[in-house]
Amino acid sequence: IKDNQLAIALDKVVDFFTGQSILAVSGVVLEAPTKNQLLTPALIARHFGVSVRRVNDTLTAEGYQHKVGTDFEPLELGLPFAVMVDTTKRNCDGSPVRMLKWDSSILDEIEPLFTAVHS
């Protein structure tokens, strides 16, 4: 955990034990490192009017990601757009579930892959 996520996590701990948010009391505003939205494959699918499976299959076939076990990880082509996030879910071994999300700037990059010519 680093940057804003670290500050938020620590603030939650302090709030749990003291009942007060340090961020709220101090008036600190955490600016996001990017103004772009992070997208799941489901949101990308909705944007292009296709299935989530088609999004994942296309991102895999075009070299943006690959599947490792049940998860996806970015490949070199996808790295400029990829953001790995930890979720509140846990694997059966107790480790946090990580999820690959995509910076919304990927939409312009991959739009040609979902045009009528490729349908």
C-alpha atoms as a PDB file:
ATOM      1  CA  ILE A   1       0.000   0.000   0.000  1.00  0.00           C
ATOM      2  CA  LYS A   2       1.390   3.375  -0.938  1.00  0.00           C
ATOM      3  CA  ASP A   3       0.454   6.982  -1.527  1.00  0.00           C
ATOM      4  CA  ASN A   4      -3.265   7.790  -1.169  1.00  0.00           C
ATOM      5  CA  GLN A   5      -4.221   4.183  -0.464  1.00  0.00           C
ATOM      6  CA  LEU A   6      -1.795   4.096   2.471  1.00  0.00           C
ATOM      7  CA  ALA A   7      -3.193   7.333   3.882  1.00  0.00           C
ATOM      8  CA  ILE A   8      -6.759   6.063   3.556  1.00  0.00           C
ATOM      9  CA  ALA A   9      -5.926   2.703   5.133  1.00  0.00           C
ATOM     10  CA  LEU A  10      -4.183   4.336   8.092  1.00  0.00           C
ATOM     11  CA  ASP A  11      -7.028   6.802   8.489  1.00  0.00           C
ATOM     12  CA  LYS A  12      -9.475   3.881   8.719  1.00  0.00           C
ATOM     13  CA  VAL A  13      -7.378   2.284  11.462  1.00  0.00           C
ATOM     14  CA  VAL A  14      -7.188   5.502  13.475  1.00  0.00           C
ATOM     15  CA  ASP A  15     -10.920   6.102  12.989  1.00  0.00           C
ATOM     16  CA  PHE A  16     -11.671   2.544  14.163  1.00  0.00           C
ATOM     17  CA  PHE A  17      -9.713   3.010  17.410  1.00  0.00           C
ATOM     18  CA  THR A  18     -10.441   6.684  18.135  1.00  0.00           C
ATOM     19  CA  GLY A  19     -13.711   7.379  16.362  1.00  0.00           C
ATOM     20  CA  GLN A  20     -12.117  10.279  14.482  1.00  0.00           C
ATOM     21  CA  SER A  21     -10.776  10.554  10.981  1.00  0.00           C
ATOM     22  CA  ILE A  22      -7.389  12.244  10.860  1.00  0.00           C
ATOM     23  CA  LEU A  23      -8.024  13.220   7.251  1.00  0.00           C
ATOM     24  CA  ALA A  24     -11.336  14.875   8.126  1.00  0.00           C
ATOM     25  CA  VAL A  25      -9.968  16.663  11.209  1.00  0.00           C
ATOM     26  CA  SER A  26      -6.865  17.909   9.392  1.00  0.00           C
ATOM     27  CA  GLY A  27      -8.769  18.955   6.292  1.00  0.00           C
ATOM     28  CA  VAL A  28      -6.305  17.098   4.075  1.00  0.00           C
ATOM     29  CA  VAL A  29      -7.653  16.416   0.609  1.00  0.00           C
ATOM     30  CA  LEU A  30      -6.041  13.528  -1.243  1.00  0.00           C
ATOM     31  CA  GLU A  31      -5.710  14.308  -4.912  1.00  0.00           C
ATOM     32  CA  ALA A  32      -5.899  11.282  -7.172  1.00  0.00           C
ATOM     33  CA  PRO A  33      -2.712  10.663  -9.181  1.00  0.00           C
ATOM     34  CA  THR A  34      -4.819  10.589 -12.348  1.00  0.00           C
ATOM     35  CA  LYS A  35      -8.083  12.186 -13.280  1.00  0.00           C
ATOM     36  CA  ASN A  36      -9.040   9.204 -15.420  1.00  0.00           C
ATOM     37  CA  GLN A  37     -11.529   6.634 -14.220  1.00  0.00           C
ATOM     38  CA  LEU A  38     -10.387   3.071 -13.596  1.00  0.00           C
ATOM     39  CA  LEU A  39     -12.412   0.603 -15.631  1.00  0.00           C
ATOM     40  CA  THR A  40     -13.218  -3.054 -15.123  1.00  0.00           C
ATOM     41  CA  PRO A  41     -13.732  -5.281 -18.157  1.00  0.00           C
ATOM     42  CA  ALA A  42     -17.466  -5.023 -17.417  1.00  0.00           C
ATOM     43  CA  LEU A  43     -17.383  -1.236 -17.788  1.00  0.00           C
ATOM     44  CA  ILE A  44     -15.339  -1.530 -20.985  1.00  0.00           C
ATOM     45  CA  ALA A  45     -17.865  -4.058 -22.291  1.00  0.00           C
ATOM     46  CA  ARG A  46     -20.740  -1.712 -21.502  1.00  0.00           C
ATOM     47  CA  HIS A  47     -18.934   1.149 -23.277  1.00  0.00           C
ATOM     48  CA  PHE A  48     -18.531  -0.849 -26.492  1.00  0.00           C
ATOM     49  CA  GLY A  49     -21.814  -2.769 -26.222  1.00  0.00           C
ATOM     50  CA  VAL A  50     -20.136  -6.179 -26.130  1.00  0.00           C
ATOM     51  CA  SER A  51     -19.787  -8.996 -23.597  1.00  0.00           C
ATOM     52  CA  VAL A  52     -17.221  -9.052 -20.809  1.00  0.00           C
ATOM     53  CA  ARG A  53     -15.904 -12.288 -22.279  1.00  0.00           C
ATOM     54  CA  ARG A  54     -15.306 -10.564 -25.610  1.00  0.00           C
ATOM     55  CA  VAL A  55     -13.401  -7.756 -23.869  1.00  0.00           C
ATOM     56  CA  ASN A  56     -11.158 -10.194 -21.985  1.00  0.00           C
ATOM     57  CA  ASP A  57     -10.684 -12.405 -25.043  1.00  0.00           C
ATOM     58  CA  THR A  58      -9.794  -9.385 -27.203  1.00  0.00           C
ATOM     59  CA  LEU A  59      -7.399  -7.874 -24.645  1.00  0.00           C
ATOM     60  CA  THR A  60      -5.735 -11.280 -24.364  1.00  0.00           C
ATOM     61  CA  ALA A  61      -5.580 -11.968 -28.103  1.00  0.00           C
ATOM     62  CA  GLU A  62      -4.185  -8.503 -28.843  1.00  0.00           C
ATOM     63  CA  GLY A  63      -1.434  -8.793 -26.191  1.00  0.00           C
ATOM     64  CA  TYR A  64      -2.680  -6.412 -23.493  1.00  0.00           C
ATOM     65  CA  GLN A  65      -3.113  -9.088 -20.828  1.00  0.00           C
ATOM     66  CA  HIS A  66      -2.722 -12.785 -20.136  1.00  0.00           C
ATOM     67  CA  LYS A  67      -4.441 -15.160 -17.773  1.00  0.00           C
ATOM     68  CA  VAL A  68      -2.611 -16.538 -14.757  1.00  0.00           C
ATOM     69  CA  GLY A  69      -4.762 -19.044 -12.917  1.00  0.00           C
ATOM     70  CA  THR A  70      -8.127 -17.347 -12.634  1.00  0.00           C
ATOM     71  CA  ASP A  71      -6.719 -13.805 -12.803  1.00  0.00           C
ATOM     72  CA  PHE A  72      -5.476 -11.538 -15.555  1.00  0.00           C
ATOM     73  CA  GLU A  73      -2.125  -9.744 -15.513  1.00  0.00           C
ATOM     74  CA  PRO A  74      -0.979  -7.027 -17.883  1.00  0.00           C
ATOM     75  CA  LEU A  75       1.530  -7.662 -20.636  1.00  0.00           C
ATOM     76  CA  GLU A  76       3.988  -5.083 -21.976  1.00  0.00           C
ATOM     77  CA  LEU A  77       1.458  -3.602 -24.408  1.00  0.00           C
ATOM     78  CA  GLY A  78      -1.069  -3.171 -21.597  1.00  0.00           C
ATOM     79  CA  LEU A  79       1.280  -1.786 -18.945  1.00  0.00           C
ATOM     80  CA  PRO A  80       0.730   1.915 -19.792  1.00  0.00           C
ATOM     81  CA  PHE A  81      -2.999   1.446 -19.124  1.00  0.00           C
ATOM     82  CA  ALA A  82      -2.976  -1.235 -16.418  1.00  0.00           C
ATOM     83  CA  VAL A  83      -3.595  -0.645 -12.726  1.00  0.00           C
ATOM     84  CA  MET A  84      -3.466  -3.557 -10.288  1.00  0.00           C
ATOM     85  CA  VAL A  85      -5.682  -2.959  -7.278  1.00  0.00           C
ATOM     86  CA  ASP A  86      -6.126  -4.912  -4.082  1.00  0.00           C
ATOM     87  CA  THR A  87      -9.731  -5.682  -3.224  1.00  0.00           C
ATOM     88  CA  THR A  88     -11.364  -6.398   0.098  1.00  0.00           C
ATOM     89  CA  LYS A  89     -11.948  -9.983  -1.052  1.00  0.00           C
ATOM     90  CA  ARG A  90      -9.640 -12.762   0.128  1.00  0.00           C
ATOM     91  CA  ASN A  91      -8.348 -15.897  -1.558  1.00  0.00           C
ATOM     92  CA  CYS A  92      -8.923 -19.214   0.200  1.00  0.00           C
ATOM     93  CA  ASP A  93      -5.387 -18.910   1.656  1.00  0.00           C
ATOM     94  CA  GLY A  94      -6.267 -15.510   3.174  1.00  0.00           C
ATOM     95  CA  SER A  95      -4.230 -13.422   0.738  1.00  0.00           C
ATOM     96  CA  PRO A  96      -5.929 -10.358  -0.773  1.00  0.00           C
ATOM     97  CA  VAL A  97      -7.464 -10.681  -4.212  1.00  0.00           C
ATOM     98  CA  ARG A  98      -5.772  -8.415  -6.753  1.00  0.00           C
ATOM     99  CA  MET A  99      -7.690  -7.156  -9.748  1.00  0.00           C
ATOM    100  CA  LEU A 100      -6.528  -5.754 -13.043  1.00  0.00           C
ATOM    101  CA  LYS A 101      -8.315  -2.526 -13.911  1.00  0.00           C
ATOM    102  CA  TRP A 102      -7.714  -0.277 -16.884  1.00  0.00           C
ATOM    103  CA  ASP A 103      -7.127   3.459 -17.065  1.00  0.00           C
ATOM    104  CA  SER A 104      -9.947   4.932 -19.143  1.00  0.00           C
ATOM    105  CA  SER A 105      -7.389   6.163 -21.689  1.00  0.00           C
ATOM    106  CA  ILE A 106      -7.340   2.586 -23.003  1.00  0.00           C
ATOM    107  CA  LEU A 107     -10.768   3.149 -24.595  1.00  0.00           C
ATOM    108  CA  ASP A 108      -9.327   5.227 -27.447  1.00  0.00           C
ATOM    109  CA  GLU A 109      -6.503   2.716 -27.864  1.00  0.00           C
ATOM    110  CA  ILE A 110      -8.730  -0.328 -28.222  1.00  0.00           C
ATOM    111  CA  GLU A 111     -11.758   1.220 -29.923  1.00  0.00           C
ATOM    112  CA  PRO A 112     -10.685  -0.051 -33.380  1.00  0.00           C
ATOM    113  CA  LEU A 113     -10.781  -3.596 -31.979  1.00  0.00           C
ATOM    114  CA  PHE A 114     -14.513  -3.256 -31.312  1.00  0.00           C
ATOM    115  CA  THR A 115     -15.653  -1.436 -34.451  1.00  0.00           C
ATOM    116  CA  ALA A 116     -18.075  -2.983 -36.935  1.00  0.00           C
ATOM    117  CA  VAL A 117     -15.176  -4.096 -39.157  1.00  0.00           C
ATOM    118  CA  HIS A 118     -13.951  -6.430 -36.388  1.00  0.00           C
ATOM    119  CA  SER A 119     -17.370  -7.587 -35.219  1.00  0.00           C
END
